[in-house]
């Protein structure tokens, strides 16, 4: 069990104008539970967020599998909605972490909106990145 309260601050004026950041600050108070059994791990999260607009409930469930010494696979669903559980939107995706070297890894993920009304459902997302460890 863990928690990691977060405070976020609004982005720059240009980031807000381009739709990349919200204005104002927000507070997230999540609780997380994790279980591991061999190469499989499960993580569940439930939290409360206040700030950018109306207060929201945030939630998520992730399943990870260590497929090999340098390859980890991940499946995840997460979402948020009004505190009365209306306006829910859910995003589910798959991803991987591939260790190329002791200090370098590659990350990749794809997610799609799977639940919620058209205005509440998150957009599809894809990302890649390089992880540097020292």
Foldseek 3Di string as FASTA:
>chain_A
DDWDKDKAAFDDPVCVVVVNTAHGMKIKTKDKDKDDDPQKIKIKMWIWMDIRPAIKIKIKIKMKGPPDPFKIKMKMKIWMDHPVPPLIKIKIKIKMWGDPDPFKIKIKMWIATDDGPPVSYDHIDIDMDMGGHD
